[in-house]
Amino acid sequence: MARRVVVLNGPNLNLLGTREPHIYGTATLADVETWCAERAAAHGLEVSCVQSNHEGALVDALQEAGADADVVGVVLNAAAYTHTSVALHDAVKAISVPVIEVHLSNPHAREAFRHTSYLSPVVDAVIAGAGIHGYGYAVDHLAALVGTTAGATTTTPEG
């Protein structure tokens, strides 16, 4: 199997495009997954995507990514679990592949409870407030971290 990036999306991200588009935009989760696949392909990587509304499923996916020799890194939008989950914090700490935390909106410009991330202290980078572009930036950053940026071009996602 080819080297790949795992893109993990947490609770309610399956509602992208319809849930609070004034905050999260009109792009759908399918648009996010397509955008990540395009960015990864530009670096000679593949993508596998997981979305779950369940914290334990995201923990399992992180552990599986960390144990898979083909995985070069994880893009993680833990959504609301960012601000509540010690379990996700511990799962990120337990794996050796780089993890990039992504947020479509800027949590620091929102409610006070969103200002604290349990993930930020243990991830390799945080990208927030860039909408769907943030996922592409995260894939590009992972590619740079693992040395696969040759030949990559910059494009813009639809949506």
N, C-alpha and C. Protein backbone atom coordinates (compact mmCIF):
# COMPACT_ATOMS: atom_id res chain seq x y z
N MET A 1 0.83 -1.18 0.00
CA MET A 1 0.00 0.00 0.00
C MET A 1 0.88 1.25 0.00
N ALA A 2 0.38 2.31 -0.59
CA ALA A 2 1.12 3.57 -0.68
C ALA A 2 1.11 4.29 0.66
N ARG A 3 2.05 5.20 0.80
CA ARG A 3 2.08 6.05 1.99
C ARG A 3 0.83 6.92 2.00
N ARG A 4 0.27 7.10 3.19
CA ARG A 4 -1.00 7.83 3.23
C ARG A 4 -1.15 8.68 4.48
N VAL A 5 -2.07 9.60 4.34
CA VAL A 5 -2.49 10.49 5.42
C VAL A 5 -3.88 10.05 5.85
N VAL A 6 -4.10 9.99 7.14
CA VAL A 6 -5.42 9.70 7.69
C VAL A 6 -6.06 11.03 8.09
N VAL A 7 -7.27 11.26 7.62
CA VAL A 7 -8.03 12.46 7.95
C VAL A 7 -9.18 12.04 8.85
N LEU A 8 -9.14 12.52 10.11
CA LEU A 8 -10.16 12.17 11.09
C LEU A 8 -11.03 13.38 11.39
N ASN A 9 -12.32 13.20 11.28
CA ASN A 9 -13.29 14.25 11.57
C ASN A 9 -14.23 13.80 12.66
N GLY A 10 -14.44 14.67 13.63
CA GLY A 10 -15.24 14.36 14.79
C GLY A 10 -16.71 14.70 14.67
N PRO A 11 -17.36 14.87 15.82
CA PRO A 11 -18.81 14.99 15.88
C PRO A 11 -19.36 16.18 15.09
N ASN A 12 -20.46 15.90 14.44
CA ASN A 12 -21.26 16.85 13.67
C ASN A 12 -20.61 17.32 12.36
N LEU A 13 -19.40 16.88 12.09
CA LEU A 13 -18.78 17.29 10.82
C LEU A 13 -19.42 16.58 9.63
N ASN A 14 -20.19 15.54 9.88
CA ASN A 14 -20.98 14.92 8.82
C ASN A 14 -22.08 15.87 8.34
N LEU A 15 -22.35 16.93 9.09
CA LEU A 15 -23.39 17.91 8.73
C LEU A 15 -22.82 19.13 8.02
N LEU A 16 -21.54 19.09 7.67
CA LEU A 16 -20.95 20.24 6.98
C LEU A 16 -21.75 20.58 5.73
N GLY A 17 -21.85 21.86 5.47
CA GLY A 17 -22.60 22.34 4.32
C GLY A 17 -24.00 22.77 4.69
N THR A 18 -24.54 22.16 5.75
CA THR A 18 -25.88 22.53 6.20
C THR A 18 -25.89 23.07 7.62
N ARG A 19 -24.95 22.67 8.45
CA ARG A 19 -24.89 23.11 9.84
C ARG A 19 -24.16 24.45 9.94
N GLU A 20 -24.86 25.46 10.36
CA GLU A 20 -24.29 26.78 10.60
C GLU A 20 -23.30 27.21 9.51
N PRO A 21 -23.77 27.30 8.27
CA PRO A 21 -22.86 27.66 7.17
C PRO A 21 -22.20 29.03 7.35
N HIS A 22 -22.80 29.91 8.12
CA HIS A 22 -22.18 31.21 8.39
C HIS A 22 -20.91 31.05 9.24
N ILE A 23 -20.76 29.93 9.94
CA ILE A 23 -19.56 29.65 10.72
C ILE A 23 -18.64 28.67 9.99
N TYR A 24 -19.22 27.58 9.49
CA TYR A 24 -18.42 26.48 8.95
C TYR A 24 -18.32 26.47 7.43
N GLY A 25 -19.05 27.34 6.74
CA GLY A 25 -19.01 27.39 5.29
C GLY A 25 -20.01 26.44 4.66
N THR A 26 -20.00 26.42 3.34
CA THR A 26 -20.97 25.61 2.59
C THR A 26 -20.37 24.33 2.02
N ALA A 27 -19.08 24.14 2.18
CA ALA A 27 -18.45 22.90 1.72
C ALA A 27 -18.96 21.73 2.55
N THR A 28 -19.14 20.60 1.92
CA THR A 28 -19.60 19.39 2.60
C THR A 28 -18.40 18.56 3.05
N LEU A 29 -18.68 17.54 3.85
CA LEU A 29 -17.62 16.63 4.25
C LEU A 29 -17.02 15.94 3.03
N ALA A 30 -17.85 15.61 2.05
CA ALA A 30 -17.34 15.02 0.80
C ALA A 30 -16.38 15.98 0.11
N ASP A 31 -16.68 17.28 0.13
CA ASP A 31 -15.77 18.28 -0.45
C ASP A 31 -14.44 18.28 0.30
N VAL A 32 -14.49 18.21 1.63
CA VAL A 32 -13.26 18.17 2.43
C VAL A 32 -12.43 16.95 2.06
N GLU A 33 -13.08 15.80 1.95
CA GLU A 33 -12.37 14.56 1.65
C GLU A 33 -11.75 14.61 0.25
N THR A 34 -12.48 15.16 -0.71
CA THR A 34 -11.94 15.31 -2.07
C THR A 34 -10.74 16.25 -2.07
N TRP A 35 -10.86 17.37 -1.36
CA TRP A 35 -9.78 18.34 -1.28
C TRP A 35 -8.53 17.71 -0.66
N CYS A 36 -8.70 16.96 0.41
CA CYS A 36 -7.56 16.30 1.04
C CYS A 36 -6.91 15.28 0.09
N ALA A 37 -7.73 14.55 -0.63
CA ALA A 37 -7.19 13.56 -1.57
C ALA A 37 -6.40 14.25 -2.68
N GLU A 38 -6.90 15.39 -3.16
CA GLU A 38 -6.18 16.13 -4.20
C GLU A 38 -4.85 16.65 -3.69
N ARG A 39 -4.85 17.22 -2.48
CA ARG A 39 -3.60 17.74 -1.91
C ARG A 39 -2.62 16.59 -1.68
N ALA A 40 -3.10 15.49 -1.15
CA ALA A 40 -2.22 14.34 -0.89
C ALA A 40 -1.63 13.81 -2.19
N ALA A 41 -2.46 13.69 -3.22
CA ALA A 41 -1.98 13.19 -4.51
C ALA A 41 -0.88 14.08 -5.07
N ALA A 42 -0.97 15.37 -4.83
CA ALA A 42 0.07 16.29 -5.30
C ALA A 42 1.42 16.00 -4.66
N HIS A 43 1.39 15.29 -3.54
CA HIS A 43 2.62 14.92 -2.83
C HIS A 43 2.93 13.43 -2.97
N GLY A 44 2.21 12.74 -3.84
CA GLY A 44 2.43 11.31 -4.01
C GLY A 44 1.90 10.48 -2.85
N LEU A 45 0.93 11.02 -2.13
CA LEU A 45 0.35 10.32 -0.99
C LEU A 45 -1.11 9.96 -1.27
N GLU A 46 -1.64 9.04 -0.51
CA GLU A 46 -3.05 8.72 -0.54
C GLU A 46 -3.70 9.20 0.75
N VAL A 47 -5.01 9.16 0.78
CA VAL A 47 -5.76 9.60 1.95
C VAL A 47 -6.77 8.53 2.33
N SER A 48 -6.96 8.34 3.62
CA SER A 48 -8.11 7.59 4.10
C SER A 48 -8.82 8.49 5.11
N CYS A 49 -10.13 8.54 5.01
CA CYS A 49 -10.94 9.46 5.81
C CYS A 49 -11.88 8.70 6.73
N VAL A 50 -11.99 9.22 7.95
CA VAL A 50 -12.90 8.65 8.95
C VAL A 50 -13.65 9.82 9.58
N GLN A 51 -14.96 9.67 9.71
CA GLN A 51 -15.75 10.63 10.48
C GLN A 51 -16.55 9.83 11.49
N SER A 52 -16.55 10.30 12.73
CA SER A 52 -17.36 9.65 13.74
C SER A 52 -17.87 10.67 14.74
N ASN A 53 -19.07 10.45 15.21
CA ASN A 53 -19.64 11.25 16.28
C ASN A 53 -19.30 10.65 17.65
N HIS A 54 -18.50 9.59 17.65
CA HIS A 54 -18.20 8.85 18.87
C HIS A 54 -16.71 8.97 19.22
N GLU A 55 -16.45 9.42 20.42
CA GLU A 55 -15.09 9.65 20.89
C GLU A 55 -14.22 8.40 20.79
N GLY A 56 -14.75 7.27 21.23
CA GLY A 56 -13.98 6.02 21.21
C GLY A 56 -13.57 5.60 19.82
N ALA A 57 -14.44 5.84 18.85
CA ALA A 57 -14.10 5.49 17.46
C ALA A 57 -12.93 6.35 16.97
N LEU A 58 -12.86 7.61 17.39
CA LEU A 58 -11.74 8.47 17.01
C LEU A 58 -10.45 8.02 17.70
N VAL A 59 -10.56 7.60 18.96
CA VAL A 59 -9.40 7.05 19.67
C VAL A 59 -8.90 5.81 18.94
N ASP A 60 -9.82 4.91 18.58
CA ASP A 60 -9.44 3.70 17.84
C ASP A 60 -8.75 4.06 16.53
N ALA A 61 -9.29 5.03 15.81
CA ALA A 61 -8.71 5.42 14.52
C ALA A 61 -7.30 6.00 14.70
N LEU A 62 -7.09 6.78 15.75
CA LEU A 62 -5.74 7.30 16.02
C LEU A 62 -4.77 6.17 16.33
N GLN A 63 -5.20 5.23 17.16
CA GLN A 63 -4.33 4.10 17.49
C GLN A 63 -4.00 3.27 16.25
N GLU A 64 -4.99 3.04 15.40
CA GLU A 64 -4.77 2.28 14.17
C GLU A 64 -3.80 3.02 13.25
N ALA A 65 -3.97 4.34 13.14
CA ALA A 65 -3.06 5.13 12.30
C ALA A 65 -1.64 5.04 12.83
N GLY A 66 -1.49 5.10 14.14
CA GLY A 66 -0.16 5.02 14.73
C GLY A 66 0.51 3.67 14.55
N ALA A 67 -0.29 2.62 14.41
CA ALA A 67 0.26 1.27 14.26
C ALA A 67 0.48 0.87 12.81
N ASP A 68 -0.01 1.67 11.87
CA ASP A 68 0.07 1.34 10.45
C ASP A 68 1.33 1.94 9.84
N ALA A 69 2.23 1.11 9.37
CA ALA A 69 3.50 1.58 8.82
C ALA A 69 3.33 2.44 7.57
N ASP A 70 2.20 2.35 6.90
CA ASP A 70 1.97 3.14 5.68
C ASP A 70 1.48 4.56 5.98
N VAL A 71 1.06 4.82 7.20
CA VAL A 71 0.53 6.13 7.56
C VAL A 71 1.68 7.07 7.92
N VAL A 72 1.71 8.23 7.23
CA VAL A 72 2.76 9.22 7.48
C VAL A 72 2.31 10.32 8.43
N GLY A 73 1.00 10.42 8.66
CA GLY A 73 0.50 11.43 9.56
C GLY A 73 -1.00 11.48 9.58
N VAL A 74 -1.52 12.29 10.51
CA VAL A 74 -2.95 12.41 10.73
C VAL A 74 -3.36 13.88 10.70
N VAL A 75 -4.43 14.17 10.00
CA VAL A 75 -5.11 15.46 10.07
C VAL A 75 -6.32 15.22 10.94
N LEU A 76 -6.42 15.95 12.05
CA LEU A 76 -7.47 15.70 13.04
C LEU A 76 -8.29 16.95 13.30
N ASN A 77 -9.57 16.89 12.94
CA ASN A 77 -10.54 17.89 13.37
C ASN A 77 -11.45 17.17 14.35
N ALA A 78 -11.11 17.29 15.62
CA ALA A 78 -11.86 16.60 16.66
C ALA A 78 -13.15 17.34 17.03
N ALA A 79 -13.38 18.49 16.41
CA ALA A 79 -14.59 19.28 16.65
C ALA A 79 -14.76 19.52 18.15
N ALA A 80 -15.94 19.33 18.70
CA ALA A 80 -16.20 19.63 20.11
C ALA A 80 -15.31 18.83 21.06
N TYR A 81 -14.87 17.64 20.64
CA TYR A 81 -13.99 16.85 21.51
C TYR A 81 -12.64 17.53 21.74
N THR A 82 -12.28 18.48 20.90
CA THR A 82 -11.05 19.25 21.10
C THR A 82 -11.02 19.85 22.50
N HIS A 83 -12.17 20.29 22.98
CA HIS A 83 -12.26 21.06 24.20
C HIS A 83 -12.62 20.22 25.43
N THR A 84 -12.77 18.91 25.22
CA THR A 84 -13.26 18.07 26.32
C THR A 84 -12.52 16.74 26.49
N SER A 85 -11.77 16.30 25.51
CA SER A 85 -11.34 14.89 25.50
C SER A 85 -9.89 14.67 25.94
N VAL A 86 -9.77 14.20 27.16
CA VAL A 86 -8.47 13.73 27.63
C VAL A 86 -8.09 12.44 26.89
N ALA A 87 -9.09 11.64 26.54
CA ALA A 87 -8.83 10.39 25.83
C ALA A 87 -8.17 10.65 24.48
N LEU A 88 -8.64 11.65 23.72
CA LEU A 88 -8.00 11.98 22.44
C LEU A 88 -6.61 12.56 22.67
N HIS A 89 -6.45 13.39 23.69
CA HIS A 89 -5.13 13.92 24.06
C HIS A 89 -4.16 12.76 24.27
N ASP A 90 -4.57 11.79 25.08
CA ASP A 90 -3.71 10.65 25.38
C ASP A 90 -3.44 9.80 24.14
N ALA A 91 -4.43 9.64 23.27
CA ALA A 91 -4.24 8.84 22.05
C ALA A 91 -3.24 9.52 21.12
N VAL A 92 -3.31 10.84 20.99
CA VAL A 92 -2.34 11.56 20.16
C VAL A 92 -0.94 11.39 20.74
N LYS A 93 -0.80 11.52 22.05
CA LYS A 93 0.50 11.34 22.70
C LYS A 93 1.06 9.94 22.51
N ALA A 94 0.17 8.96 22.38
CA ALA A 94 0.59 7.56 22.33
C ALA A 94 1.09 7.12 20.97
N ILE A 95 0.87 7.92 19.93
CA ILE A 95 1.30 7.50 18.60
C ILE A 95 2.51 8.32 18.16
N SER A 96 3.27 7.75 17.24
CA SER A 96 4.53 8.40 16.85
C SER A 96 4.44 9.15 15.53
N VAL A 97 3.32 9.07 14.81
CA VAL A 97 3.20 9.83 13.56
C VAL A 97 2.76 11.25 13.88
N PRO A 98 3.14 12.21 13.05
CA PRO A 98 2.72 13.59 13.30
C PRO A 98 1.21 13.75 13.16
N VAL A 99 0.65 14.63 13.99
CA VAL A 99 -0.77 14.94 13.98
C VAL A 99 -0.93 16.45 13.86
N ILE A 100 -1.77 16.86 12.91
CA ILE A 100 -2.07 18.27 12.71
C ILE A 100 -3.53 18.50 13.13
N GLU A 101 -3.74 19.41 14.07
CA GLU A 101 -5.08 19.77 14.52
C GLU A 101 -5.64 20.83 13.58
N VAL A 102 -6.87 20.62 13.12
CA VAL A 102 -7.51 21.54 12.17
C VAL A 102 -8.87 21.96 12.71
N HIS A 103 -9.19 23.24 12.51
CA HIS A 103 -10.52 23.78 12.80
C HIS A 103 -10.95 24.65 11.64
N LEU A 104 -12.16 24.45 11.17
CA LEU A 104 -12.69 25.26 10.08
C LEU A 104 -12.84 26.72 10.51
N SER A 105 -13.37 26.94 11.70
CA SER A 105 -13.52 28.29 12.23
C SER A 105 -12.34 28.59 13.16
N ASN A 106 -12.31 29.81 13.66
CA ASN A 106 -11.29 30.19 14.63
C ASN A 106 -11.89 30.06 16.03
N PRO A 107 -11.55 29.00 16.76
CA PRO A 107 -12.15 28.81 18.08
C PRO A 107 -11.91 29.97 19.04
N HIS A 108 -10.82 30.69 18.85
CA HIS A 108 -10.48 31.79 19.76
C HIS A 108 -11.36 33.02 19.53
N ALA A 109 -12.08 33.04 18.43
CA ALA A 109 -13.00 34.14 18.14
C ALA A 109 -14.44 33.76 18.48
N ARG A 110 -14.59 32.64 19.16
CA ARG A 110 -15.94 32.12 19.48
C ARG A 110 -16.13 32.06 20.99
N GLU A 111 -17.05 31.24 21.45
CA GLU A 111 -17.36 31.15 22.87
C GLU A 111 -16.11 30.80 23.69
N ALA A 112 -16.09 31.28 24.92
CA ALA A 112 -14.92 31.08 25.78
C ALA A 112 -14.56 29.61 25.97
N PHE A 113 -15.57 28.72 26.05
CA PHE A 113 -15.26 27.31 26.26
C PHE A 113 -14.50 26.70 25.10
N ARG A 114 -14.53 27.34 23.93
CA ARG A 114 -13.79 26.84 22.77
C ARG A 114 -12.34 27.31 22.74
N HIS A 115 -11.94 28.15 23.66
CA HIS A 115 -10.60 28.71 23.65
C HIS A 115 -9.55 27.72 24.15
N THR A 116 -9.96 26.67 24.82
CA THR A 116 -9.03 25.68 25.35
C THR A 116 -9.08 24.42 24.49
N SER A 117 -7.90 23.99 24.06
CA SER A 117 -7.78 22.74 23.31
C SER A 117 -6.95 21.76 24.12
N TYR A 118 -7.52 20.58 24.36
CA TYR A 118 -6.74 19.53 25.01
C TYR A 118 -5.75 18.90 24.04
N LEU A 119 -5.90 19.19 22.75
CA LEU A 119 -5.04 18.58 21.73
C LEU A 119 -3.82 19.42 21.40
N SER A 120 -3.97 20.72 21.41
CA SER A 120 -2.88 21.61 20.97
C SER A 120 -1.54 21.33 21.63
N PRO A 121 -1.50 21.02 22.93
CA PRO A 121 -0.20 20.77 23.55
C PRO A 121 0.52 19.51 23.05
N VAL A 122 -0.20 18.61 22.37
CA VAL A 122 0.42 17.34 21.97
C VAL A 122 0.45 17.11 20.46
N VAL A 123 -0.04 18.06 19.66
CA VAL A 123 0.02 17.91 18.21
C VAL A 123 1.23 18.64 17.65
N ASP A 124 1.51 18.40 16.38
CA ASP A 124 2.68 19.01 15.74
C ASP A 124 2.39 20.41 15.20
N ALA A 125 1.14 20.70 14.91
CA ALA A 125 0.75 22.03 14.42
C ALA A 125 -0.75 22.18 14.58
N VAL A 126 -1.19 23.44 14.60
CA VAL A 126 -2.61 23.77 14.67
C VAL A 126 -2.94 24.74 13.55
N ILE A 127 -3.99 24.43 12.80
CA ILE A 127 -4.46 25.32 11.73
C ILE A 127 -5.92 25.62 12.01
N ALA A 128 -6.23 26.90 12.20
CA ALA A 128 -7.59 27.27 12.57
C ALA A 128 -8.05 28.49 11.79
N GLY A 129 -9.34 28.50 11.45
CA GLY A 129 -9.95 29.67 10.85
C GLY A 129 -9.76 29.80 9.36
N ALA A 130 -9.23 28.80 8.71
CA ALA A 130 -8.98 28.87 7.27
C ALA A 130 -10.03 28.12 6.46
N GLY A 131 -11.11 27.70 7.10
CA GLY A 131 -12.14 26.95 6.39
C GLY A 131 -11.58 25.65 5.83
N ILE A 132 -12.12 25.23 4.71
CA ILE A 132 -11.69 23.99 4.07
C ILE A 132 -10.21 24.04 3.65
N HIS A 133 -9.71 25.24 3.40
CA HIS A 133 -8.29 25.39 3.03
C HIS A 133 -7.37 24.84 4.12
N GLY A 134 -7.80 24.93 5.37
CA GLY A 134 -6.98 24.45 6.47
C GLY A 134 -6.62 22.99 6.36
N TYR A 135 -7.53 22.18 5.84
CA TYR A 135 -7.23 20.77 5.63
C TYR A 135 -6.11 20.60 4.60
N GLY A 136 -6.18 21.37 3.53
CA GLY A 136 -5.12 21.30 2.52
C GLY A 136 -3.78 21.74 3.08
N TYR A 137 -3.80 22.82 3.88
CA TYR A 137 -2.56 23.28 4.52
C TYR A 137 -1.99 22.18 5.42
N ALA A 138 -2.88 21.47 6.12
CA ALA A 138 -2.43 20.40 7.01
C ALA A 138 -1.79 19.26 6.22
N VAL A 139 -2.40 18.87 5.12
CA VAL A 139 -1.82 17.81 4.29
C VAL A 139 -0.47 18.27 3.74
N ASP A 140 -0.40 19.51 3.27
CA ASP A 140 0.86 20.05 2.76
C ASP A 140 1.93 20.04 3.84
N HIS A 141 1.55 20.43 5.06
CA HIS A 141 2.51 20.47 6.16
C HIS A 141 2.99 19.06 6.51
N LEU A 142 2.08 18.10 6.55
CA LEU A 142 2.50 16.71 6.80
C LEU A 142 3.48 16.24 5.74
N ALA A 143 3.19 16.56 4.48
CA ALA A 143 4.09 16.16 3.39
C ALA A 143 5.47 16.78 3.60
N ALA A 144 5.51 18.04 4.02
CA ALA A 144 6.79 18.69 4.28
C ALA A 144 7.52 18.02 5.44
N LEU A 145 6.78 17.66 6.47
CA LEU A 145 7.40 17.00 7.63
C LEU A 145 8.03 15.67 7.27
N VAL A 146 7.41 14.95 6.33
CA VAL A 146 7.92 13.62 5.98
C VAL A 146 8.71 13.63 4.67
N GLY A 147 8.91 14.84 4.11
CA GLY A 147 9.78 14.96 2.95
C GLY A 147 9.19 14.51 1.64
N THR A 148 7.89 14.75 1.40
CA THR A 148 7.29 14.33 0.13
C THR A 148 6.72 15.50 -0.65
N THR A 149 7.30 16.70 -0.51
CA THR A 149 6.71 17.88 -1.14
C THR A 149 7.16 18.10 -2.58
N ALA A 150 8.05 17.29 -3.08
CA ALA A 150 8.53 17.48 -4.46
C ALA A 150 7.39 17.41 -5.45
N GLY A 151 7.31 18.38 -6.33
CA GLY A 151 6.33 18.36 -7.39
C GLY A 151 4.95 18.85 -7.00
N ALA A 152 4.77 19.22 -5.75
CA ALA A 152 3.43 19.66 -5.30
C ALA A 152 3.10 21.01 -5.88
N THR A 153 1.84 21.18 -6.24
CA THR A 153 1.36 22.46 -6.72
C THR A 153 0.23 22.94 -5.84
N THR A 154 0.03 24.22 -5.80
CA THR A 154 -1.02 24.80 -4.99
C THR A 154 -2.27 24.99 -5.84
N THR A 155 -3.39 24.50 -5.34
CA THR A 155 -4.68 24.70 -5.99
C THR A 155 -5.66 25.21 -4.96
N THR A 156 -6.86 25.49 -5.37
CA THR A 156 -7.90 25.99 -4.48
C THR A 156 -9.07 25.03 -4.50
N PRO A 157 -9.64 24.72 -3.31
CA PRO A 157 -10.78 23.80 -3.29
C PRO A 157 -12.04 24.47 -3.79
N GLU A 158 -12.96 23.65 -4.24
CA GLU A 158 -14.29 24.14 -4.61
C GLU A 158 -15.09 24.24 -3.32
N GLY A 159 -16.07 25.15 -3.28
CA GLY A 159 -16.94 25.23 -2.11
C GLY A 159 -16.54 26.31 -1.25
